[in-house]
Amino acid sequence: MSGRPLDVLEASLGDRVSVRLKSGEEYVGDLAGYDQHMNLVLEDVTVSQETDPTDEPSVQDTTIIRGDNVVSITP
């Protein structure tokens, strides 16, 4: 796998990824799409809060995440 960010995202399409946001939220879902700004489309998503790990993670069908909010993406 190449080390270039968009190549890593391309190789991860359809796979489960973990996305951490500036707010501390973590989204885990199937990567359905992305663009050159690293805006992401995730499907079958669970969301957990770093601020309160005792909260039950919420589940969402499809989520669009603006690339400006992303701290890390783990394939």
PDB file of N, CA and C in Angstrom:
ATOM      1  N   MET A   1       0.853  -1.172   0.000  1.00  0.00           N
ATOM      2  CA  MET A   1       0.000   0.000   0.000  1.00  0.00           C
ATOM      3  C   MET A   1       0.899   1.235   0.000  1.00  0.00           C
ATOM      4  N   SER A   2       0.577   2.185  -0.844  1.00  0.00           N
ATOM      5  CA  SER A   2       1.347   3.425  -0.930  1.00  0.00           C
ATOM      6  C   SER A   2       1.122   4.282   0.308  1.00  0.00           C
ATOM      7  N   GLY A   3       2.078   5.155   0.607  1.00  0.00           N
ATOM      8  CA  GLY A   3       1.967   6.010   1.775  1.00  0.00           C
ATOM      9  C   GLY A   3       1.214   7.300   1.515  1.00  0.00           C
ATOM     10  N   ARG A   4       0.778   7.551   0.263  1.00  0.00           N
ATOM     11  CA  ARG A   4       0.052   8.786  -0.025  1.00  0.00           C
ATOM     12  C   ARG A   4      -1.372   8.666   0.516  1.00  0.00           C
ATOM     13  N   PRO A   5      -1.842   9.719   1.213  1.00  0.00           N
ATOM     14  CA  PRO A   5      -3.150   9.630   1.888  1.00  0.00           C
ATOM     15  C   PRO A   5      -4.312   9.212   0.989  1.00  0.00           C
ATOM     16  N   LEU A   6      -4.427   9.796  -0.190  1.00  0.00           N
ATOM     17  CA  LEU A   6      -5.568   9.446  -1.039  1.00  0.00           C
ATOM     18  C   LEU A   6      -5.441   8.020  -1.576  1.00  0.00           C
ATOM     19  N   ASP A   7      -4.217   7.522  -1.752  1.00  0.00           N
ATOM     20  CA  ASP A   7      -4.037   6.124  -2.165  1.00  0.00           C
ATOM     21  C   ASP A   7      -4.478   5.170  -1.057  1.00  0.00           C
ATOM     22  N   VAL A   8      -4.192   5.543   0.182  1.00  0.00           N
ATOM     23  CA  VAL A   8      -4.626   4.722   1.317  1.00  0.00           C
ATOM     24  C   VAL A   8      -6.145   4.692   1.393  1.00  0.00           C
ATOM     25  N   LEU A   9      -6.785   5.850   1.193  1.00  0.00           N
ATOM     26  CA  LEU A   9      -8.251   5.886   1.204  1.00  0.00           C
ATOM     27  C   LEU A   9      -8.818   5.059   0.059  1.00  0.00           C
ATOM     28  N   GLU A  10      -8.223   5.150  -1.119  1.00  0.00           N
ATOM     29  CA  GLU A  10      -8.694   4.372  -2.275  1.00  0.00           C
ATOM     30  C   GLU A  10      -8.623   2.872  -1.977  1.00  0.00           C
ATOM     31  N   ALA A  11      -7.531   2.441  -1.361  1.00  0.00           N
ATOM     32  CA  ALA A  11      -7.374   1.028  -1.030  1.00  0.00           C
ATOM     33  C   ALA A  11      -8.341   0.589   0.074  1.00  0.00           C
ATOM     34  N   SER A  12      -8.837   1.551   0.857  1.00  0.00           N
ATOM     35  CA  SER A  12      -9.727   1.238   1.982  1.00  0.00           C
ATOM     36  C   SER A  12     -11.206   1.321   1.629  1.00  0.00           C
ATOM     37  N   LEU A  13     -11.542   1.705   0.395  1.00  0.00           N
ATOM     38  CA  LEU A  13     -12.953   1.780  -0.001  1.00  0.00           C
ATOM     39  C   LEU A  13     -13.639   0.444   0.238  1.00  0.00           C
ATOM     40  N   GLY A  14     -14.786   0.492   0.900  1.00  0.00           N
ATOM     41  CA  GLY A  14     -15.544  -0.711   1.205  1.00  0.00           C
ATOM     42  C   GLY A  14     -15.115  -1.401   2.491  1.00  0.00           C
ATOM     43  N   ASP A  15     -13.994  -0.972   3.063  1.00  0.00           N
ATOM     44  CA  ASP A  15     -13.490  -1.569   4.295  1.00  0.00           C
ATOM     45  C   ASP A  15     -13.912  -0.753   5.505  1.00  0.00           C
ATOM     46  N   ARG A  16     -13.799  -1.365   6.665  1.00  0.00           N
ATOM     47  CA  ARG A  16     -14.103  -0.705   7.935  1.00  0.00           C
ATOM     48  C   ARG A  16     -12.958   0.242   8.286  1.00  0.00           C
ATOM     49  N   VAL A  17     -13.268   1.489   8.623  1.00  0.00           N
ATOM     50  CA  VAL A  17     -12.263   2.463   9.043  1.00  0.00           C
ATOM     51  C   VAL A  17     -12.715   3.137  10.329  1.00  0.00           C
ATOM     52  N   SER A  18     -11.753   3.681  11.052  1.00  0.00           N
ATOM     53  CA  SER A  18     -12.026   4.441  12.260  1.00  0.00           C
ATOM     54  C   SER A  18     -11.598   5.880  12.004  1.00  0.00           C
ATOM     55  N   VAL A  19     -12.500   6.834  12.269  1.00  0.00           N
ATOM     56  CA  VAL A  19     -12.234   8.248  12.013  1.00  0.00           C
ATOM     57  C   VAL A  19     -12.377   9.015  13.324  1.00  0.00           C
ATOM     58  N   ARG A  20     -11.298   9.668  13.749  1.00  0.00           N
ATOM     59  CA  ARG A  20     -11.333  10.479  14.971  1.00  0.00           C
ATOM     60  C   ARG A  20     -11.436  11.945  14.567  1.00  0.00           C
ATOM     61  N   LEU A  21     -12.371  12.665  15.230  1.00  0.00           N
ATOM     62  CA  LEU A  21     -12.613  14.072  14.927  1.00  0.00           C
ATOM     63  C   LEU A  21     -12.001  14.982  15.989  1.00  0.00           C
ATOM     64  N   LYS A  22     -11.868  16.259  15.658  1.00  0.00           N
ATOM     65  CA  LYS A  22     -11.341  17.260  16.588  1.00  0.00           C
ATOM     66  C   LYS A  22     -12.156  17.312  17.875  1.00  0.00           C
ATOM     67  N   SER A  23     -13.444  17.038  17.778  1.00  0.00           N
ATOM     68  CA  SER A  23     -14.339  17.094  18.931  1.00  0.00           C
ATOM     69  C   SER A  23     -14.125  15.940  19.911  1.00  0.00           C
ATOM     70  N   GLY A  24     -13.350  14.922  19.499  1.00  0.00           N
ATOM     71  CA  GLY A  24     -13.142  13.749  20.343  1.00  0.00           C
ATOM     72  C   GLY A  24     -14.033  12.580  19.971  1.00  0.00           C
ATOM     73  N   GLU A  25     -14.992  12.795  19.091  1.00  0.00           N
ATOM     74  CA  GLU A  25     -15.856  11.699  18.651  1.00  0.00           C
ATOM     75  C   GLU A  25     -15.060  10.751  17.764  1.00  0.00           C
ATOM     76  N   GLU A  26     -15.436   9.475  17.818  1.00  0.00           N
ATOM     77  CA  GLU A  26     -14.823   8.490  16.932  1.00  0.00           C
ATOM     78  C   GLU A  26     -15.922   7.789  16.153  1.00  0.00           C
ATOM     79  N   TYR A  27     -15.809   7.809  14.835  1.00  0.00           N
ATOM     80  CA  TYR A  27     -16.758   7.174  13.939  1.00  0.00           C
ATOM     81  C   TYR A  27     -16.096   5.923  13.369  1.00  0.00           C
ATOM     82  N   VAL A  28     -16.790   4.797  13.461  1.00  0.00           N
ATOM     83  CA  VAL A  28     -16.296   3.551  12.873  1.00  0.00           C
ATOM     84  C   VAL A  28     -17.356   3.074  11.896  1.00  0.00           C
ATOM     85  N   GLY A  29     -16.947   2.901  10.632  1.00  0.00           N
ATOM     86  CA  GLY A  29     -17.908   2.480   9.625  1.00  0.00           C
ATOM     87  C   GLY A  29     -17.218   2.047   8.348  1.00  0.00           C
ATOM     88  N   ASP A  30     -18.030   1.652   7.372  1.00  0.00           N
ATOM     89  CA  ASP A  30     -17.517   1.232   6.072  1.00  0.00           C
ATOM     90  C   ASP A  30     -17.303   2.464   5.212  1.00  0.00           C
ATOM     91  N   LEU A  31     -16.091   2.637   4.677  1.00  0.00           N
ATOM     92  CA  LEU A  31     -15.773   3.785   3.836  1.00  0.00           C
ATOM     93  C   LEU A  31     -16.445   3.614   2.480  1.00  0.00           C
ATOM     94  N   ALA A  32     -17.438   4.460   2.206  1.00  0.00           N
ATOM     95  CA  ALA A  32     -18.192   4.375   0.957  1.00  0.00           C
ATOM     96  C   ALA A  32     -17.689   5.365  -0.081  1.00  0.00           C
ATOM     97  N   GLY A  33     -17.012   6.441   0.353  1.00  0.00           N
ATOM     98  CA  GLY A  33     -16.514   7.425  -0.598  1.00  0.00           C
ATOM     99  C   GLY A  33     -15.705   8.500   0.090  1.00  0.00           C
ATOM    100  N   TYR A  34     -14.986   9.273  -0.719  1.00  0.00           N
ATOM    101  CA  TYR A  34     -14.169  10.377  -0.228  1.00  0.00           C
ATOM    102  C   TYR A  34     -13.890  11.312  -1.402  1.00  0.00           C
ATOM    103  N   ASP A  35     -13.336  12.494  -1.113  1.00  0.00           N
ATOM    104  CA  ASP A  35     -12.908  13.397  -2.182  1.00  0.00           C
ATOM    105  C   ASP A  35     -11.530  13.955  -1.865  1.00  0.00           C
ATOM    106  N   GLN A  36     -11.025  14.861  -2.696  1.00  0.00           N
ATOM    107  CA  GLN A  36      -9.671  15.379  -2.538  1.00  0.00           C
ATOM    108  C   GLN A  36      -9.504  16.212  -1.275  1.00  0.00           C
ATOM    109  N   HIS A  37     -10.601  16.649  -0.643  1.00  0.00           N
ATOM    110  CA  HIS A  37     -10.550  17.408   0.606  1.00  0.00           C
ATOM    111  C   HIS A  37     -10.646  16.492   1.825  1.00  0.00           C
ATOM    112  N   MET A  38     -10.676  15.188   1.582  1.00  0.00           N
ATOM    113  CA  MET A  38     -10.840  14.152   2.603  1.00  0.00           C
ATOM    114  C   MET A  38     -12.192  14.238   3.299  1.00  0.00           C
ATOM    115  N   ASN A  39     -13.196  14.796   2.605  1.00  0.00           N
ATOM    116  CA  ASN A  39     -14.567  14.629   3.065  1.00  0.00           C
ATOM    117  C   ASN A  39     -14.869  13.147   2.899  1.00  0.00           C
ATOM    118  N   LEU A  40     -15.529  12.551   3.883  1.00  0.00           N
ATOM    119  CA  LEU A  40     -15.726  11.104   3.897  1.00  0.00           C
ATOM    120  C   LEU A  40     -17.199  10.751   3.936  1.00  0.00           C
ATOM    121  N   VAL A  41     -17.548   9.640   3.311  1.00  0.00           N
ATOM    122  CA  VAL A  41     -18.878   9.059   3.420  1.00  0.00           C
ATOM    123  C   VAL A  41     -18.710   7.691   4.058  1.00  0.00           C
ATOM    124  N   LEU A  42     -19.346   7.506   5.224  1.00  0.00           N
ATOM    125  CA  LEU A  42     -19.289   6.232   5.938  1.00  0.00           C
ATOM    126  C   LEU A  42     -20.689   5.637   6.010  1.00  0.00           C
ATOM    127  N   GLU A  43     -20.761   4.315   5.940  1.00  0.00           N
ATOM    128  CA  GLU A  43     -22.033   3.603   6.078  1.00  0.00           C
ATOM    129  C   GLU A  43     -21.938   2.632   7.247  1.00  0.00           C
ATOM    130  N   ASP A  44     -23.106   2.286   7.809  1.00  0.00           N
ATOM    131  CA  ASP A  44     -23.186   1.386   8.971  1.00  0.00           C
ATOM    132  C   ASP A  44     -22.233   1.859  10.065  1.00  0.00           C
ATOM    133  N   VAL A  45     -22.493   3.049  10.561  1.00  0.00           N
ATOM    134  CA  VAL A  45     -21.582   3.763  11.441  1.00  0.00           C
ATOM    135  C   VAL A  45     -21.976   3.624  12.906  1.00  0.00           C
ATOM    136  N   THR A  46     -20.963   3.459  13.764  1.00  0.00           N
ATOM    137  CA  THR A  46     -21.155   3.611  15.199  1.00  0.00           C
ATOM    138  C   THR A  46     -20.327   4.815  15.635  1.00  0.00           C
ATOM    139  N   VAL A  47     -20.887   5.598  16.560  1.00  0.00           N
ATOM    140  CA  VAL A  47     -20.239   6.821  17.031  1.00  0.00           C
ATOM    141  C   VAL A  47     -20.043   6.713  18.530  1.00  0.00           C
ATOM    142  N   SER A  48     -18.828   6.976  18.981  1.00  0.00           N
ATOM    143  CA  SER A  48     -18.566   6.988  20.417  1.00  0.00           C
ATOM    144  C   SER A  48     -17.948   8.325  20.794  1.00  0.00           C
ATOM    145  N   GLN A  49     -18.198   8.744  22.026  1.00  0.00           N
ATOM    146  CA  GLN A  49     -17.704  10.013  22.550  1.00  0.00           C
ATOM    147  C   GLN A  49     -16.496   9.757  23.427  1.00  0.00           C
ATOM    148  N   GLU A  50     -15.409  10.472  23.177  1.00  0.00           N
ATOM    149  CA  GLU A  50     -14.230  10.359  24.028  1.00  0.00           C
ATOM    150  C   GLU A  50     -14.495  10.977  25.397  1.00  0.00           C
ATOM    151  N   THR A  51     -15.368  11.987  25.435  1.00  0.00           N
ATOM    152  CA  THR A  51     -15.635  12.700  26.675  1.00  0.00           C
ATOM    153  C   THR A  51     -16.384  11.855  27.690  1.00  0.00           C
ATOM    154  N   ASP A  52     -17.210  10.906  27.229  1.00  0.00           N
ATOM    155  CA  ASP A  52     -17.964  10.055  28.142  1.00  0.00           C
ATOM    156  C   ASP A  52     -18.008   8.625  27.611  1.00  0.00           C
ATOM    157  N   PRO A  53     -16.956   7.846  27.848  1.00  0.00           N
ATOM    158  CA  PRO A  53     -16.900   6.489  27.297  1.00  0.00           C
ATOM    159  C   PRO A  53     -17.944   5.541  27.868  1.00  0.00           C
ATOM    160  N   THR A  54     -18.645   5.940  28.945  1.00  0.00           N
ATOM    161  CA  THR A  54     -19.675   5.066  29.507  1.00  0.00           C
ATOM    162  C   THR A  54     -20.963   5.136  28.702  1.00  0.00           C
ATOM    163  N   ASP A  55     -21.130   6.170  27.880  1.00  0.00           N
ATOM    164  CA  ASP A  55     -22.315   6.279  27.026  1.00  0.00           C
ATOM    165  C   ASP A  55     -22.335   5.159  25.997  1.00  0.00           C
ATOM    166  N   GLU A  56     -23.524   4.667  25.717  1.00  0.00           N
ATOM    167  CA  GLU A  56     -23.712   3.657  24.683  1.00  0.00           C
ATOM    168  C   GLU A  56     -23.449   4.293  23.319  1.00  0.00           C
ATOM    169  N   PRO A  57     -22.609   3.672  22.458  1.00  0.00           N
ATOM    170  CA  PRO A  57     -22.358   4.239  21.126  1.00  0.00           C
ATOM    171  C   PRO A  57     -23.645   4.284  20.307  1.00  0.00           C
ATOM    172  N   SER A  58     -23.824   5.367  19.545  1.00  0.00           N
ATOM    173  CA  SER A  58     -24.998   5.458  18.684  1.00  0.00           C
ATOM    174  C   SER A  58     -24.682   4.812  17.342  1.00  0.00           C
ATOM    175  N   VAL A  59     -25.740   4.376  16.654  1.00  0.00           N
ATOM    176  CA  VAL A  59     -25.598   3.709  15.361  1.00  0.00           C
ATOM    177  C   VAL A  59     -26.324   4.540  14.313  1.00  0.00           C
ATOM    178  N   GLN A  60     -25.662   4.759  13.157  1.00  0.00           N
ATOM    179  CA  GLN A  60     -26.237   5.550  12.077  1.00  0.00           C
ATOM    180  C   GLN A  60     -26.048   4.793  10.766  1.00  0.00           C
ATOM    181  N   ASP A  61     -26.961   5.016   9.812  1.00  0.00           N
ATOM    182  CA  ASP A  61     -26.873   4.342   8.514  1.00  0.00           C
ATOM    183  C   ASP A  61     -25.758   4.929   7.653  1.00  0.00           C
ATOM    184  N   THR A  62     -25.888   6.209   7.295  1.00  0.00           N
ATOM    185  CA  THR A  62     -24.915   6.874   6.433  1.00  0.00           C
ATOM    186  C   THR A  62     -24.530   8.209   7.053  1.00  0.00           C
ATOM    187  N   THR A  63     -23.230   8.498   7.068  1.00  0.00           N
ATOM    188  CA  THR A  63     -22.722   9.728   7.661  1.00  0.00           C
ATOM    189  C   THR A  63     -21.719  10.360   6.709  1.00  0.00           C
ATOM    190  N   ILE A  64     -21.829  11.677   6.535  1.00  0.00           N
ATOM    191  CA  ILE A  64     -20.861  12.438   5.755  1.00  0.00           C
ATOM    192  C   ILE A  64     -20.053  13.278   6.738  1.00  0.00           C
ATOM    193  N   ILE A  65     -18.736  13.150   6.686  1.00  0.00           N
ATOM    194  CA  ILE A  65     -17.852  13.860   7.600  1.00  0.00           C
ATOM    195  C   ILE A  65     -17.016  14.853   6.795  1.00  0.00           C
ATOM    196  N   ARG A  66     -17.055  16.108   7.196  1.00  0.00           N
ATOM    197  CA  ARG A  66     -16.267  17.137   6.526  1.00  0.00           C
ATOM    198  C   ARG A  66     -14.790  16.948   6.878  1.00  0.00           C
ATOM    199  N   GLY A  67     -13.936  16.969   5.866  1.00  0.00           N
ATOM    200  CA  GLY A  67     -12.517  16.710   6.045  1.00  0.00           C
ATOM    201  C   GLY A  67     -11.825  17.639   7.027  1.00  0.00           C
ATOM    202  N   ASP A  68     -12.314  18.890   7.175  1.00  0.00           N
ATOM    203  CA  ASP A  68     -11.705  19.846   8.107  1.00  0.00           C
ATOM    204  C   ASP A  68     -11.783  19.377   9.556  1.00  0.00           C
ATOM    205  N   ASN A  69     -12.723  18.500   9.864  1.00  0.00           N
ATOM    206  CA  ASN A  69     -12.921  18.042  11.235  1.00  0.00           C
ATOM    207  C   ASN A  69     -12.118  16.797  11.583  1.00  0.00           C
ATOM    208  N   VAL A  70     -11.488  16.178  10.585  1.00  0.00           N
ATOM    209  CA  VAL A  70     -10.813  14.891  10.785  1.00  0.00           C
ATOM    210  C   VAL A  70      -9.419  15.091  11.372  1.00  0.00           C
ATOM    211  N   VAL A  71      -9.133  14.350  12.429  1.00  0.00           N
ATOM    212  CA  VAL A  71      -7.797  14.321  13.020  1.00  0.00           C
ATOM    213  C   VAL A  71      -7.035  13.112  12.487  1.00  0.00           C
ATOM    214  N   SER A  72      -7.693  11.941  12.442  1.00  0.00           N
ATOM    215  CA  SER A  72      -7.028  10.747  11.932  1.00  0.00           C
ATOM    216  C   SER A  72      -8.034   9.777  11.322  1.00  0.00           C
ATOM    217  N   ILE A  73      -7.533   8.976  10.389  1.00  0.00           N
ATOM    218  CA  ILE A  73      -8.314   7.913   9.761  1.00  0.00           C
ATOM    219  C   ILE A  73      -7.469   6.652   9.856  1.00  0.00           C
ATOM    220  N   THR A  74      -8.021   5.617  10.453  1.00  0.00           N
ATOM    221  CA  THR A  74      -7.291   4.364  10.610  1.00  0.00           C
ATOM    222  C   THR A  74      -7.990   3.276   9.800  1.00  0.00           C
ATOM    223  N   PRO A  75      -7.326   2.763   8.754  1.00  0.00           N
ATOM    224  CA  PRO A  75      -7.945   1.692   7.955  1.00  0.00           C
ATOM    225  C   PRO A  75      -7.963   0.368   8.708  1.00  0.00           C
TER     226      PRO A  75
END
